[in-house]
Amino acid sequence: MDNIQPLSAFFLAIEKDFRISTTHIAIFAALVQFRNDKGFINPIQAYSIEIQNIAKIASPKTYHKCMRELDAYGYVIYLPTKNKNKRSKVYFHLE
């Protein structure tokens, strides 16, 4: 059950959140899938291209905008890195 808990909680939380688009949903689902593939770790560390490929998002600009918004809206904690050789960290709010 732990593997879908973040996704289930996310869908409950966004029911009345008009700010969330299908792109946000695709990215969040991709983050959950990436986390599942890595053994349910928290935080995950990923390159943006890894998540973009899972979410089927071609534009890095769109990806980074949505990640910043997911962080600002309180759905994840996103710690980007400016160094292309380091992975960004994404924390899930797990209860």
PDB file of N, CA and C in Angstrom:
ATOM      1  N   MET A   1       0.818  -1.208   0.000  1.00  0.00           N
ATOM      2  CA  MET A   1       0.000   0.000   0.000  1.00  0.00           C
ATOM      3  C   MET A   1       0.855   1.262   0.000  1.00  0.00           C
ATOM      4  N   ASP A   2       2.048   1.177   0.573  1.00  0.00           N
ATOM      5  CA  ASP A   2       2.938   2.328   0.662  1.00  0.00           C
ATOM      6  C   ASP A   2       3.289   2.889  -0.713  1.00  0.00           C
ATOM      7  N   ASN A   3       3.297   2.023  -1.729  1.00  0.00           N
ATOM      8  CA  ASN A   3       3.714   2.487  -3.043  1.00  0.00           C
ATOM      9  C   ASN A   3       2.727   3.446  -3.702  1.00  0.00           C
ATOM     10  N   ILE A   4       1.452   3.389  -3.371  1.00  0.00           N
ATOM     11  CA  ILE A   4       0.487   4.309  -3.980  1.00  0.00           C
ATOM     12  C   ILE A   4      -0.022   5.382  -3.014  1.00  0.00           C
ATOM     13  N   GLN A   5       0.382   5.335  -1.772  1.00  0.00           N
ATOM     14  CA  GLN A   5      -0.101   6.297  -0.784  1.00  0.00           C
ATOM     15  C   GLN A   5       0.160   7.742  -1.210  1.00  0.00           C
ATOM     16  N   PRO A   6       1.368   8.107  -1.688  1.00  0.00           N
ATOM     17  CA  PRO A   6       1.561   9.503  -2.095  1.00  0.00           C
ATOM     18  C   PRO A   6       0.649   9.921  -3.251  1.00  0.00           C
ATOM     19  N   LEU A   7       0.430   9.010  -4.192  1.00  0.00           N
ATOM     20  CA  LEU A   7      -0.430   9.332  -5.331  1.00  0.00           C
ATOM     21  C   LEU A   7      -1.889   9.472  -4.898  1.00  0.00           C
ATOM     22  N   SER A   8      -2.346   8.583  -4.034  1.00  0.00           N
ATOM     23  CA  SER A   8      -3.724   8.673  -3.527  1.00  0.00           C
ATOM     24  C   SER A   8      -3.934   9.959  -2.740  1.00  0.00           C
ATOM     25  N   ALA A   9      -2.973  10.294  -1.891  1.00  0.00           N
ATOM     26  CA  ALA A   9      -3.068  11.533  -1.104  1.00  0.00           C
ATOM     27  C   ALA A   9      -3.063  12.760  -2.017  1.00  0.00           C
ATOM     28  N   PHE A  10      -2.261  12.713  -3.052  1.00  0.00           N
ATOM     29  CA  PHE A  10      -2.184  13.819  -4.012  1.00  0.00           C
ATOM     30  C   PHE A  10      -3.534  14.030  -4.696  1.00  0.00           C
ATOM     31  N   PHE A  11      -4.144  12.946  -5.174  1.00  0.00           N
ATOM     32  CA  PHE A  11      -5.429  13.083  -5.858  1.00  0.00           C
ATOM     33  C   PHE A  11      -6.521  13.599  -4.925  1.00  0.00           C
ATOM     34  N   LEU A  12      -6.492  13.194  -3.681  1.00  0.00           N
ATOM     35  CA  LEU A  12      -7.459  13.746  -2.719  1.00  0.00           C
ATOM     36  C   LEU A  12      -7.231  15.237  -2.515  1.00  0.00           C
ATOM     37  N   ALA A  13      -5.972  15.633  -2.438  1.00  0.00           N
ATOM     38  CA  ALA A  13      -5.637  17.031  -2.170  1.00  0.00           C
ATOM     39  C   ALA A  13      -5.956  17.950  -3.345  1.00  0.00           C
ATOM     40  N   ILE A  14      -5.862  17.444  -4.565  1.00  0.00           N
ATOM     41  CA  ILE A  14      -6.051  18.336  -5.725  1.00  0.00           C
ATOM     42  C   ILE A  14      -7.492  18.428  -6.208  1.00  0.00           C
ATOM     43  N   GLU A  15      -8.396  17.706  -5.576  1.00  0.00           N
ATOM     44  CA  GLU A  15      -9.786  17.716  -6.031  1.00  0.00           C
ATOM     45  C   GLU A  15     -10.349  19.124  -6.207  1.00  0.00           C
ATOM     46  N   LYS A  16     -10.019  20.014  -5.288  1.00  0.00           N
ATOM     47  CA  LYS A  16     -10.566  21.365  -5.347  1.00  0.00           C
ATOM     48  C   LYS A  16      -9.490  22.418  -5.610  1.00  0.00           C
ATOM     49  N   ASP A  17      -8.311  21.971  -6.036  1.00  0.00           N
ATOM     50  CA  ASP A  17      -7.203  22.906  -6.297  1.00  0.00           C
ATOM     51  C   ASP A  17      -7.172  23.231  -7.792  1.00  0.00           C
ATOM     52  N   PHE A  18      -7.727  24.371  -8.164  1.00  0.00           N
ATOM     53  CA  PHE A  18      -7.831  24.792  -9.554  1.00  0.00           C
ATOM     54  C   PHE A  18      -6.472  25.085 -10.190  1.00  0.00           C
ATOM     55  N   ARG A  19      -5.434  25.226  -9.382  1.00  0.00           N
ATOM     56  CA  ARG A  19      -4.100  25.551  -9.907  1.00  0.00           C
ATOM     57  C   ARG A  19      -3.423  24.354 -10.560  1.00  0.00           C
ATOM     58  N   ILE A  20      -3.860  23.160 -10.257  1.00  0.00           N
ATOM     59  CA  ILE A  20      -3.202  21.947 -10.728  1.00  0.00           C
ATOM     60  C   ILE A  20      -3.702  21.569 -12.121  1.00  0.00           C
ATOM     61  N   SER A  21      -2.751  21.389 -13.040  1.00  0.00           N
ATOM     62  CA  SER A  21      -3.064  21.016 -14.422  1.00  0.00           C
ATOM     63  C   SER A  21      -2.685  19.560 -14.673  1.00  0.00           C
ATOM     64  N   THR A  22      -2.995  19.098 -15.855  1.00  0.00           N
ATOM     65  CA  THR A  22      -2.622  17.734 -16.225  1.00  0.00           C
ATOM     66  C   THR A  22      -1.104  17.556 -16.243  1.00  0.00           C
ATOM     67  N   THR A  23      -0.371  18.609 -16.521  1.00  0.00           N
ATOM     68  CA  THR A  23       1.092  18.531 -16.505  1.00  0.00           C
ATOM     69  C   THR A  23       1.601  18.295 -15.090  1.00  0.00           C
ATOM     70  N   HIS A  24       1.027  18.989 -14.115  1.00  0.00           N
ATOM     71  CA  HIS A  24       1.392  18.759 -12.717  1.00  0.00           C
ATOM     72  C   HIS A  24       1.120  17.303 -12.325  1.00  0.00           C
ATOM     73  N   ILE A  25      -0.038  16.800 -12.746  1.00  0.00           N
ATOM     74  CA  ILE A  25      -0.419  15.423 -12.418  1.00  0.00           C
ATOM     75  C   ILE A  25       0.560  14.435 -13.049  1.00  0.00           C
ATOM     76  N   ALA A  26       0.919  14.680 -14.307  1.00  0.00           N
ATOM     77  CA  ALA A  26       1.865  13.795 -14.990  1.00  0.00           C
ATOM     78  C   ALA A  26       3.216  13.784 -14.286  1.00  0.00           C
ATOM     79  N   ILE A  27       3.681  14.943 -13.876  1.00  0.00           N
ATOM     80  CA  ILE A  27       4.975  15.019 -13.188  1.00  0.00           C
ATOM     81  C   ILE A  27       4.894  14.331 -11.833  1.00  0.00           C
ATOM     82  N   PHE A  28       3.835  14.576 -11.083  1.00  0.00           N
ATOM     83  CA  PHE A  28       3.727  13.945  -9.765  1.00  0.00           C
ATOM     84  C   PHE A  28       3.654  12.432  -9.904  1.00  0.00           C
ATOM     85  N   ALA A  29       2.887  11.940 -10.855  1.00  0.00           N
ATOM     86  CA  ALA A  29       2.794  10.493 -11.078  1.00  0.00           C
ATOM     87  C   ALA A  29       4.157   9.927 -11.487  1.00  0.00           C
ATOM     88  N   ALA A  30       4.893  10.664 -12.306  1.00  0.00           N
ATOM     89  CA  ALA A  30       6.242  10.232 -12.701  1.00  0.00           C
ATOM     90  C   ALA A  30       7.182  10.188 -11.500  1.00  0.00           C
ATOM     91  N   LEU A  31       7.059  11.157 -10.604  1.00  0.00           N
ATOM     92  CA  LEU A  31       7.877  11.161  -9.387  1.00  0.00           C
ATOM     93  C   LEU A  31       7.570   9.945  -8.521  1.00  0.00           C
ATOM     94  N   VAL A  32       6.297   9.606  -8.401  1.00  0.00           N
ATOM     95  CA  VAL A  32       5.898   8.428  -7.614  1.00  0.00           C
ATOM     96  C   VAL A  32       6.440   7.156  -8.260  1.00  0.00           C
ATOM     97  N   GLN A  33       6.344   7.061  -9.573  1.00  0.00           N
ATOM     98  CA  GLN A  33       6.875   5.887 -10.278  1.00  0.00           C
ATOM     99  C   GLN A  33       8.385   5.783 -10.098  1.00  0.00           C
ATOM    100  N   PHE A  34       9.081   6.907 -10.216  1.00  0.00           N
ATOM    101  CA  PHE A  34      10.530   6.924 -10.029  1.00  0.00           C
ATOM    102  C   PHE A  34      10.885   6.463  -8.617  1.00  0.00           C
ATOM    103  N   ARG A  35      10.115   6.959  -7.646  1.00  0.00           N
ATOM    104  CA  ARG A  35      10.329   6.569  -6.249  1.00  0.00           C
ATOM    105  C   ARG A  35      10.108   5.071  -6.067  1.00  0.00           C
ATOM    106  N   ASN A  36       9.074   4.528  -6.657  1.00  0.00           N
ATOM    107  CA  ASN A  36       8.796   3.093  -6.575  1.00  0.00           C
ATOM    108  C   ASN A  36       9.947   2.287  -7.167  1.00  0.00           C
ATOM    109  N   ASP A  37      10.464   2.733  -8.306  1.00  0.00           N
ATOM    110  CA  ASP A  37      11.575   2.030  -8.961  1.00  0.00           C
ATOM    111  C   ASP A  37      12.853   2.058  -8.123  1.00  0.00           C
ATOM    112  N   LYS A  38      12.985   3.061  -7.279  1.00  0.00           N
ATOM    113  CA  LYS A  38      14.192   3.211  -6.454  1.00  0.00           C
ATOM    114  C   LYS A  38      14.031   2.613  -5.059  1.00  0.00           C
ATOM    115  N   GLY A  39      12.955   1.923  -4.806  1.00  0.00           N
ATOM    116  CA  GLY A  39      12.787   1.257  -3.516  1.00  0.00           C
ATOM    117  C   GLY A  39      12.106   2.096  -2.459  1.00  0.00           C
ATOM    118  N   PHE A  40      11.219   2.977  -2.873  1.00  0.00           N
ATOM    119  CA  PHE A  40      10.406   3.777  -1.950  1.00  0.00           C
ATOM    120  C   PHE A  40      11.221   4.713  -1.067  1.00  0.00           C
ATOM    121  N   ILE A  41      12.304   5.275  -1.612  1.00  0.00           N
ATOM    122  CA  ILE A  41      13.143   6.183  -0.842  1.00  0.00           C
ATOM    123  C   ILE A  41      12.501   7.569  -0.767  1.00  0.00           C
ATOM    124  N   ASN A  42      12.855   8.293   0.264  1.00  0.00           N
ATOM    125  CA  ASN A  42      12.399   9.668   0.442  1.00  0.00           C
ATOM    126  C   ASN A  42      13.516  10.429   1.145  1.00  0.00           C
ATOM    127  N   PRO A  43      14.165  11.338   0.467  1.00  0.00           N
ATOM    128  CA  PRO A  43      13.850  11.939  -0.825  1.00  0.00           C
ATOM    129  C   PRO A  43      14.374  11.095  -1.987  1.00  0.00           C
ATOM    130  N   ILE A  44      13.814  11.396  -3.158  1.00  0.00           N
ATOM    131  CA  ILE A  44      14.399  10.830  -4.362  1.00  0.00           C
ATOM    132  C   ILE A  44      15.406  11.844  -4.895  1.00  0.00           C
ATOM    133  N   GLN A  45      16.376  11.352  -5.614  1.00  0.00           N
ATOM    134  CA  GLN A  45      17.337  12.214  -6.293  1.00  0.00           C
ATOM    135  C   GLN A  45      17.283  11.852  -7.763  1.00  0.00           C
ATOM    136  N   ALA A  46      16.971  12.851  -8.603  1.00  0.00           N
ATOM    137  CA  ALA A  46      16.775  12.576 -10.026  1.00  0.00           C
ATOM    138  C   ALA A  46      17.228  13.751 -10.876  1.00  0.00           C
ATOM    139  N   TYR A  47      17.688  13.411 -12.063  1.00  0.00           N
ATOM    140  CA  TYR A  47      17.914  14.425 -13.079  1.00  0.00           C
ATOM    141  C   TYR A  47      16.551  14.767 -13.678  1.00  0.00           C
ATOM    142  N   SER A  48      16.379  15.997 -14.087  1.00  0.00           N
ATOM    143  CA  SER A  48      15.091  16.414 -14.643  1.00  0.00           C
ATOM    144  C   SER A  48      14.709  15.570 -15.856  1.00  0.00           C
ATOM    145  N   ILE A  49      15.673  15.215 -16.682  1.00  0.00           N
ATOM    146  CA  ILE A  49      15.369  14.450 -17.893  1.00  0.00           C
ATOM    147  C   ILE A  49      14.795  13.076 -17.550  1.00  0.00           C
ATOM    148  N   GLU A  50      15.198  12.504 -16.422  1.00  0.00           N
ATOM    149  CA  GLU A  50      14.653  11.203 -16.018  1.00  0.00           C
ATOM    150  C   GLU A  50      13.159  11.303 -15.743  1.00  0.00           C
ATOM    151  N   ILE A  51      12.766  12.346 -15.033  1.00  0.00           N
ATOM    152  CA  ILE A  51      11.350  12.538 -14.707  1.00  0.00           C
ATOM    153  C   ILE A  51      10.576  12.985 -15.946  1.00  0.00           C
ATOM    154  N   GLN A  52      11.165  13.854 -16.746  1.00  0.00           N
ATOM    155  CA  GLN A  52      10.516  14.308 -17.969  1.00  0.00           C
ATOM    156  C   GLN A  52      10.192  13.132 -18.887  1.00  0.00           C
ATOM    157  N   ASN A  53      11.103  12.190 -19.015  1.00  0.00           N
ATOM    158  CA  ASN A  53      10.865  11.033 -19.882  1.00  0.00           C
ATOM    159  C   ASN A  53       9.694  10.195 -19.384  1.00  0.00           C
ATOM    160  N   ILE A  54       9.613   9.984 -18.076  1.00  0.00           N
ATOM    161  CA  ILE A  54       8.503   9.202 -17.522  1.00  0.00           C
ATOM    162  C   ILE A  54       7.179   9.951 -17.708  1.00  0.00           C
ATOM    163  N   ALA A  55       7.210  11.266 -17.483  1.00  0.00           N
ATOM    164  CA  ALA A  55       5.994  12.088 -17.575  1.00  0.00           C
ATOM    165  C   ALA A  55       5.628  12.479 -19.009  1.00  0.00           C
ATOM    166  N   LYS A  56       6.504  12.161 -19.946  1.00  0.00           N
ATOM    167  CA  LYS A  56       6.291  12.519 -21.359  1.00  0.00           C
ATOM    168  C   LYS A  56       6.208  14.032 -21.551  1.00  0.00           C
ATOM    169  N   ILE A  57       7.132  14.744 -20.896  1.00  0.00           N
ATOM    170  CA  ILE A  57       7.209  16.202 -21.008  1.00  0.00           C
ATOM    171  C   ILE A  57       8.521  16.544 -21.697  1.00  0.00           C
ATOM    172  N   ALA A  58       8.441  17.201 -22.856  1.00  0.00           N
ATOM    173  CA  ALA A  58       9.627  17.489 -23.648  1.00  0.00           C
ATOM    174  C   ALA A  58      10.349  18.761 -23.206  1.00  0.00           C
ATOM    175  N   SER A  59       9.620  19.715 -22.716  1.00  0.00           N
ATOM    176  CA  SER A  59      10.201  21.022 -22.424  1.00  0.00           C
ATOM    177  C   SER A  59      10.760  21.109 -21.004  1.00  0.00           C
ATOM    178  N   PRO A  60      12.072  21.360 -20.875  1.00  0.00           N
ATOM    179  CA  PRO A  60      12.645  21.558 -19.538  1.00  0.00           C
ATOM    180  C   PRO A  60      12.025  22.759 -18.818  1.00  0.00           C
ATOM    181  N   LYS A  61      11.675  23.791 -19.584  1.00  0.00           N
ATOM    182  CA  LYS A  61      11.075  24.994 -18.988  1.00  0.00           C
ATOM    183  C   LYS A  61       9.735  24.649 -18.326  1.00  0.00           C
ATOM    184  N   THR A  62       8.911  23.871 -19.003  1.00  0.00           N
ATOM    185  CA  THR A  62       7.620  23.448 -18.451  1.00  0.00           C
ATOM    186  C   THR A  62       7.828  22.585 -17.211  1.00  0.00           C
ATOM    187  N   TYR A  63       8.767  21.649 -17.290  1.00  0.00           N
ATOM    188  CA  TYR A  63       9.058  20.779 -16.159  1.00  0.00           C
ATOM    189  C   TYR A  63       9.456  21.588 -14.931  1.00  0.00           C
ATOM    190  N   HIS A  64      10.418  22.491 -15.093  1.00  0.00           N
ATOM    191  CA  HIS A  64      10.910  23.261 -13.945  1.00  0.00           C
ATOM    192  C   HIS A  64       9.835  24.182 -13.380  1.00  0.00           C
ATOM    193  N   LYS A  65       9.013  24.764 -14.253  1.00  0.00           N
ATOM    194  CA  LYS A  65       7.915  25.617 -13.789  1.00  0.00           C
ATOM    195  C   LYS A  65       6.939  24.802 -12.937  1.00  0.00           C
ATOM    196  N   CYS A  66       6.546  23.634 -13.428  1.00  0.00           N
ATOM    197  CA  CYS A  66       5.591  22.803 -12.685  1.00  0.00           C
ATOM    198  C   CYS A  66       6.191  22.274 -11.390  1.00  0.00           C
ATOM    199  N   MET A  67       7.461  21.929 -11.399  1.00  0.00           N
ATOM    200  CA  MET A  67       8.112  21.460 -10.165  1.00  0.00           C
ATOM    201  C   MET A  67       8.149  22.583  -9.123  1.00  0.00           C
ATOM    202  N   ARG A  68       8.491  23.788  -9.550  1.00  0.00           N
ATOM    203  CA  ARG A  68       8.494  24.929  -8.610  1.00  0.00           C
ATOM    204  C   ARG A  68       7.090  25.166  -8.055  1.00  0.00           C
ATOM    205  N   GLU A  69       6.072  25.014  -8.899  1.00  0.00           N
ATOM    206  CA  GLU A  69       4.699  25.211  -8.446  1.00  0.00           C
ATOM    207  C   GLU A  69       4.264  24.099  -7.490  1.00  0.00           C
ATOM    208  N   LEU A  70       4.610  22.853  -7.799  1.00  0.00           N
ATOM    209  CA  LEU A  70       4.274  21.763  -6.875  1.00  0.00           C
ATOM    210  C   LEU A  70       4.913  21.999  -5.510  1.00  0.00           C
ATOM    211  N   ASP A  71       6.112  22.556  -5.507  1.00  0.00           N
ATOM    212  CA  ASP A  71       6.776  22.904  -4.252  1.00  0.00           C
ATOM    213  C   ASP A  71       6.053  24.066  -3.566  1.00  0.00           C
ATOM    214  N   ALA A  72       5.765  25.105  -4.314  1.00  0.00           N
ATOM    215  CA  ALA A  72       5.099  26.284  -3.739  1.00  0.00           C
ATOM    216  C   ALA A  72       3.709  25.954  -3.202  1.00  0.00           C
ATOM    217  N   TYR A  73       3.007  25.033  -3.849  1.00  0.00           N
ATOM    218  CA  TYR A  73       1.661  24.648  -3.428  1.00  0.00           C
ATOM    219  C   TYR A  73       1.684  23.647  -2.276  1.00  0.00           C
ATOM    220  N   GLY A  74       2.865  23.154  -1.913  1.00  0.00           N
ATOM    221  CA  GLY A  74       2.987  22.273  -0.760  1.00  0.00           C
ATOM    222  C   GLY A  74       2.811  20.785  -1.041  1.00  0.00           C
ATOM    223  N   TYR A  75       2.882  20.374  -2.295  1.00  0.00           N
ATOM    224  CA  TYR A  75       2.706  18.955  -2.621  1.00  0.00           C
ATOM    225  C   TYR A  75       4.007  18.157  -2.501  1.00  0.00           C
ATOM    226  N   VAL A  76       5.128  18.815  -2.747  1.00  0.00           N
ATOM    227  CA  VAL A  76       6.452  18.207  -2.579  1.00  0.00           C
ATOM    228  C   VAL A  76       7.397  19.283  -2.077  1.00  0.00           C
ATOM    229  N   ILE A  77       8.565  18.863  -1.669  1.00  0.00           N
ATOM    230  CA  ILE A  77       9.650  19.808  -1.391  1.00  0.00           C
ATOM    231  C   ILE A  77      10.687  19.561  -2.478  1.00  0.00           C
ATOM    232  N   TYR A  78      10.920  20.571  -3.292  1.00  0.00           N
ATOM    233  CA  TYR A  78      11.801  20.459  -4.456  1.00  0.00           C
ATOM    234  C   TYR A  78      13.063  21.264  -4.191  1.00  0.00           C
ATOM    235  N   LEU A  79      14.196  20.578  -4.201  1.00  0.00           N
ATOM    236  CA  LEU A  79      15.487  21.228  -4.011  1.00  0.00           C
ATOM    237  C   LEU A  79      16.306  21.053  -5.282  1.00  0.00           C
ATOM    238  N   PRO A  80      16.140  22.004  -6.230  1.00  0.00           N
ATOM    239  CA  PRO A  80      16.871  21.874  -7.496  1.00  0.00           C
ATOM    240  C   PRO A  80      18.354  22.173  -7.310  1.00  0.00           C
ATOM    241  N   THR A  81      19.132  21.672  -8.228  1.00  0.00           N
ATOM    242  CA  THR A  81      20.550  21.975  -8.230  1.00  0.00           C
ATOM    243  C   THR A  81      20.891  22.680  -9.534  1.00  0.00           C
ATOM    244  N   LYS A  82      21.817  23.588  -9.474  1.00  0.00           N
ATOM    245  CA  LYS A  82      22.257  24.295 -10.680  1.00  0.00           C
ATOM    246  C   LYS A  82      23.370  23.526 -11.386  1.00  0.00           C
ATOM    247  N   ASN A  83      23.935  22.552 -10.690  1.00  0.00           N
ATOM    248  CA  ASN A  83      25.018  21.748 -11.230  1.00  0.00           C
ATOM    249  C   ASN A  83      24.431  20.605 -12.057  1.00  0.00           C
ATOM    250  N   LYS A  84      24.742  20.574 -13.346  1.00  0.00           N
ATOM    251  CA  LYS A  84      24.169  19.551 -14.231  1.00  0.00           C
ATOM    252  C   LYS A  84      24.669  18.151 -13.923  1.00  0.00           C
ATOM    253  N   ASN A  85      25.721  18.047 -13.123  1.00  0.00           N
ATOM    254  CA  ASN A  85      26.268  16.742 -12.769  1.00  0.00           C
ATOM    255  C   ASN A  85      25.706  16.207 -11.453  1.00  0.00           C
ATOM    256  N   LYS A  86      24.815  16.960 -10.830  1.00  0.00           N
ATOM    257  CA  LYS A  86      24.182  16.529  -9.580  1.00  0.00           C
ATOM    258  C   LYS A  86      22.679  16.434  -9.782  1.00  0.00           C
ATOM    259  N   ARG A  87      22.091  15.502  -9.078  1.00  0.00           N
ATOM    260  CA  ARG A  87      20.647  15.307  -9.169  1.00  0.00           C
ATOM    261  C   ARG A  87      19.930  16.217  -8.181  1.00  0.00           C
ATOM    262  N   SER A  88      18.756  16.673  -8.576  1.00  0.00           N
ATOM    263  CA  SER A  88      17.917  17.448  -7.665  1.00  0.00           C
ATOM    264  C   SER A  88      17.248  16.500  -6.686  1.00  0.00           C
ATOM    265  N   LYS A  89      16.866  17.020  -5.523  1.00  0.00           N
ATOM    266  CA  LYS A  89      16.176  16.233  -4.511  1.00  0.00           C
ATOM    267  C   LYS A  89      14.703  16.616  -4.494  1.00  0.00           C
ATOM    268  N   VAL A  90      13.875  15.601  -4.307  1.00  0.00           N
ATOM    269  CA  VAL A  90      12.430  15.815  -4.172  1.00  0.00           C
ATOM    270  C   VAL A  90      11.965  15.004  -2.978  1.00  0.00           C
ATOM    271  N   TYR A  91      11.405  15.710  -1.991  1.00  0.00           N
ATOM    272  CA  TYR A  91      10.868  15.084  -0.795  1.00  0.00           C
ATOM    273  C   TYR A  91       9.359  14.962  -0.942  1.00  0.00           C
ATOM    274  N   PHE A  92       8.821  13.810  -0.565  1.00  0.00           N
ATOM    275  CA  PHE A  92       7.383  13.614  -0.511  1.00  0.00           C
ATOM    276  C   PHE A  92       6.917  13.883   0.916  1.00  0.00           C
ATOM    277  N   HIS A  93       5.729  14.470   1.037  1.00  0.00           N
ATOM    278  CA  HIS A  93       5.119  14.666   2.358  1.00  0.00           C
ATOM    279  C   HIS A  93       4.417  13.384   2.736  1.00  0.00           C
ATOM    280  N   LEU A  94       5.081  12.569   3.512  1.00  0.00           N
ATOM    281  CA  LEU A  94       4.509  11.283   3.929  1.00  0.00           C
ATOM    282  C   LEU A  94       4.104  11.373   5.379  1.00  0.00           C
ATOM    283  N   GLU A  95       2.939  10.861   5.679  1.00  0.00           N
ATOM    284  CA  GLU A  95       2.451  10.906   7.054  1.00  0.00           C
ATOM    285  C   GLU A  95       2.560   9.550   7.720  1.00  0.00           C
TER     286      GLU A  95
END
